Amino acid sequence: MAVLKVIEILANSDSGWEDAAKQAVSEASKSVKNIKSVYINEQSATVEDGKIKNYRVNVKITFEVK
């Protein structure tokens, strides 16, 4: 049996939600090892002058504790 832990990360990107999710995983992997999955909990965006300016994601990252 594996012991798993879940952390929540907020990330943003100028180019899209997928990029924001990738950045969240990339940043988390600097200090967390054995990442197993990512769950996109929430997506949002900021709008300026009728255009999306910034994409935001709230992700849950699951990793194995050894």
N, C-alpha and C. Protein backbone atom coordinates (compact mmCIF):
# COMPACT_ATOMS: atom_id res chain seq x y z
N MET A 1 0.84 -1.17 0.00
CA MET A 1 0.00 0.00 0.00
C MET A 1 0.89 1.24 0.00
N ALA A 2 0.51 2.23 -0.78
CA ALA A 2 1.26 3.49 -0.86
C ALA A 2 0.57 4.55 -0.01
N VAL A 3 1.37 5.45 0.54
CA VAL A 3 0.83 6.59 1.27
C VAL A 3 0.91 7.80 0.34
N LEU A 4 -0.23 8.43 0.08
CA LEU A 4 -0.30 9.56 -0.83
C LEU A 4 -0.72 10.81 -0.07
N LYS A 5 -0.24 11.94 -0.54
CA LYS A 5 -0.60 13.22 0.05
C LYS A 5 -1.06 14.14 -1.08
N VAL A 6 -1.99 15.04 -0.76
CA VAL A 6 -2.52 15.99 -1.75
C VAL A 6 -2.23 17.40 -1.27
N ILE A 7 -1.68 18.21 -2.18
CA ILE A 7 -1.49 19.63 -1.90
C ILE A 7 -2.25 20.44 -2.94
N GLU A 8 -2.57 21.65 -2.59
CA GLU A 8 -3.31 22.53 -3.50
C GLU A 8 -2.39 23.66 -3.95
N ILE A 9 -2.36 23.90 -5.26
CA ILE A 9 -1.49 24.91 -5.85
C ILE A 9 -2.35 25.85 -6.70
N LEU A 10 -2.06 27.13 -6.61
CA LEU A 10 -2.68 28.12 -7.49
C LEU A 10 -1.62 28.58 -8.47
N ALA A 11 -1.96 28.61 -9.75
CA ALA A 11 -0.99 29.03 -10.77
C ALA A 11 -1.69 29.85 -11.83
N ASN A 12 -0.90 30.65 -12.56
CA ASN A 12 -1.49 31.45 -13.64
C ASN A 12 -0.56 31.48 -14.85
N SER A 13 -1.15 31.91 -15.96
CA SER A 13 -0.42 31.96 -17.22
C SER A 13 -1.06 33.01 -18.13
N ASP A 14 -0.27 33.61 -18.96
CA ASP A 14 -0.79 34.55 -19.96
C ASP A 14 -1.30 33.82 -21.20
N SER A 15 -0.93 32.53 -21.37
CA SER A 15 -1.24 31.85 -22.63
C SER A 15 -2.36 30.81 -22.56
N GLY A 16 -2.75 30.34 -21.37
CA GLY A 16 -3.85 29.40 -21.32
C GLY A 16 -3.89 28.58 -20.05
N TRP A 17 -5.03 27.89 -19.83
CA TRP A 17 -5.20 27.07 -18.64
C TRP A 17 -4.25 25.88 -18.64
N GLU A 18 -4.03 25.28 -19.79
CA GLU A 18 -3.11 24.14 -19.86
C GLU A 18 -1.71 24.56 -19.44
N ASP A 19 -1.26 25.71 -19.91
CA ASP A 19 0.06 26.21 -19.53
C ASP A 19 0.11 26.51 -18.04
N ALA A 20 -0.95 27.04 -17.49
CA ALA A 20 -0.99 27.32 -16.04
C ALA A 20 -0.86 26.02 -15.25
N ALA A 21 -1.54 24.96 -15.69
CA ALA A 21 -1.44 23.67 -15.02
C ALA A 21 -0.03 23.11 -15.12
N LYS A 22 0.59 23.25 -16.28
CA LYS A 22 1.97 22.77 -16.45
C LYS A 22 2.91 23.54 -15.53
N GLN A 23 2.69 24.82 -15.38
CA GLN A 23 3.53 25.63 -14.51
C GLN A 23 3.35 25.22 -13.05
N ALA A 24 2.14 24.87 -12.66
CA ALA A 24 1.88 24.42 -11.29
C ALA A 24 2.66 23.15 -10.99
N VAL A 25 2.61 22.20 -11.92
CA VAL A 25 3.33 20.94 -11.73
C VAL A 25 4.84 21.17 -11.73
N SER A 26 5.29 22.01 -12.64
CA SER A 26 6.72 22.31 -12.72
C SER A 26 7.23 22.96 -11.43
N GLU A 27 6.48 23.91 -10.91
CA GLU A 27 6.89 24.59 -9.68
C GLU A 27 6.84 23.64 -8.49
N ALA A 28 5.78 22.84 -8.40
CA ALA A 28 5.66 21.89 -7.29
C ALA A 28 6.78 20.87 -7.31
N SER A 29 7.18 20.43 -8.51
CA SER A 29 8.21 19.39 -8.62
C SER A 29 9.59 19.87 -8.17
N LYS A 30 9.77 21.16 -7.97
CA LYS A 30 11.04 21.67 -7.44
C LYS A 30 11.24 21.27 -5.98
N SER A 31 10.14 21.11 -5.24
CA SER A 31 10.27 20.77 -3.83
C SER A 31 9.54 19.48 -3.44
N VAL A 32 8.70 18.96 -4.34
CA VAL A 32 7.94 17.74 -4.05
C VAL A 32 8.35 16.67 -5.05
N LYS A 33 8.69 15.50 -4.53
CA LYS A 33 9.08 14.38 -5.40
C LYS A 33 7.94 13.37 -5.49
N ASN A 34 8.02 12.48 -6.44
CA ASN A 34 7.06 11.38 -6.63
C ASN A 34 5.64 11.86 -6.93
N ILE A 35 5.50 12.93 -7.73
CA ILE A 35 4.17 13.40 -8.13
C ILE A 35 3.52 12.34 -9.01
N LYS A 36 2.29 11.99 -8.66
CA LYS A 36 1.57 10.93 -9.37
C LYS A 36 0.44 11.45 -10.26
N SER A 37 -0.21 12.55 -9.85
CA SER A 37 -1.33 13.04 -10.65
C SER A 37 -1.62 14.49 -10.31
N VAL A 38 -2.38 15.11 -11.21
CA VAL A 38 -2.84 16.49 -10.99
C VAL A 38 -4.32 16.54 -11.34
N TYR A 39 -5.09 17.20 -10.51
CA TYR A 39 -6.52 17.34 -10.70
C TYR A 39 -6.82 18.83 -10.82
N ILE A 40 -7.42 19.22 -11.93
CA ILE A 40 -7.78 20.63 -12.13
C ILE A 40 -9.07 20.87 -11.35
N ASN A 41 -8.94 21.58 -10.25
CA ASN A 41 -10.07 21.82 -9.36
C ASN A 41 -10.93 22.98 -9.84
N GLU A 42 -10.30 24.01 -10.36
CA GLU A 42 -11.04 25.21 -10.75
C GLU A 42 -10.25 25.99 -11.80
N GLN A 43 -10.96 26.59 -12.72
CA GLN A 43 -10.35 27.45 -13.73
C GLN A 43 -11.03 28.81 -13.69
N SER A 44 -10.25 29.86 -13.86
CA SER A 44 -10.81 31.20 -13.94
C SER A 44 -9.89 32.06 -14.80
N ALA A 45 -10.34 33.25 -15.09
CA ALA A 45 -9.53 34.15 -15.91
C ALA A 45 -9.85 35.59 -15.53
N THR A 46 -8.87 36.46 -15.74
CA THR A 46 -9.12 37.88 -15.57
C THR A 46 -9.32 38.48 -16.96
N VAL A 47 -10.20 39.46 -17.04
CA VAL A 47 -10.56 40.08 -18.32
C VAL A 47 -10.25 41.56 -18.26
N GLU A 48 -9.66 42.05 -19.35
CA GLU A 48 -9.37 43.47 -19.46
C GLU A 48 -9.69 43.93 -20.88
N ASP A 49 -10.46 44.97 -21.01
CA ASP A 49 -10.87 45.52 -22.30
C ASP A 49 -11.52 44.47 -23.19
N GLY A 50 -12.34 43.61 -22.58
CA GLY A 50 -13.08 42.61 -23.33
C GLY A 50 -12.25 41.42 -23.78
N LYS A 51 -11.03 41.26 -23.28
CA LYS A 51 -10.17 40.14 -23.67
C LYS A 51 -9.59 39.48 -22.42
N ILE A 52 -9.38 38.17 -22.52
CA ILE A 52 -8.78 37.46 -21.40
C ILE A 52 -7.33 37.89 -21.27
N LYS A 53 -6.98 38.32 -20.08
CA LYS A 53 -5.62 38.79 -19.83
C LYS A 53 -4.76 37.72 -19.16
N ASN A 54 -5.38 36.95 -18.24
CA ASN A 54 -4.60 36.00 -17.46
C ASN A 54 -5.48 34.79 -17.13
N TYR A 55 -4.94 33.60 -17.33
CA TYR A 55 -5.64 32.35 -17.04
C TYR A 55 -5.16 31.83 -15.69
N ARG A 56 -6.10 31.35 -14.87
CA ARG A 56 -5.74 30.85 -13.54
C ARG A 56 -6.31 29.46 -13.33
N VAL A 57 -5.54 28.63 -12.64
CA VAL A 57 -6.02 27.30 -12.26
C VAL A 57 -5.75 27.06 -10.79
N ASN A 58 -6.63 26.31 -10.19
CA ASN A 58 -6.46 25.82 -8.83
C ASN A 58 -6.35 24.31 -9.01
N VAL A 59 -5.19 23.74 -8.72
CA VAL A 59 -4.97 22.32 -8.95
C VAL A 59 -4.65 21.60 -7.65
N LYS A 60 -5.00 20.33 -7.63
CA LYS A 60 -4.63 19.46 -6.52
C LYS A 60 -3.59 18.48 -7.07
N ILE A 61 -2.44 18.45 -6.43
CA ILE A 61 -1.35 17.59 -6.87
C ILE A 61 -1.18 16.46 -5.84
N THR A 62 -1.21 15.23 -6.35
CA THR A 62 -1.07 14.06 -5.51
C THR A 62 0.34 13.49 -5.67
N PHE A 63 0.98 13.20 -4.54
CA PHE A 63 2.32 12.62 -4.60
C PHE A 63 2.45 11.53 -3.54
N GLU A 64 3.37 10.61 -3.82
CA GLU A 64 3.60 9.49 -2.92
C GLU A 64 4.62 9.87 -1.85
N VAL A 65 4.30 9.56 -0.60
CA VAL A 65 5.20 9.79 0.51
C VAL A 65 5.97 8.51 0.75
N LYS A 66 7.29 8.60 0.75
CA LYS A 66 8.12 7.39 0.95
C LYS A 66 8.74 7.38 2.31
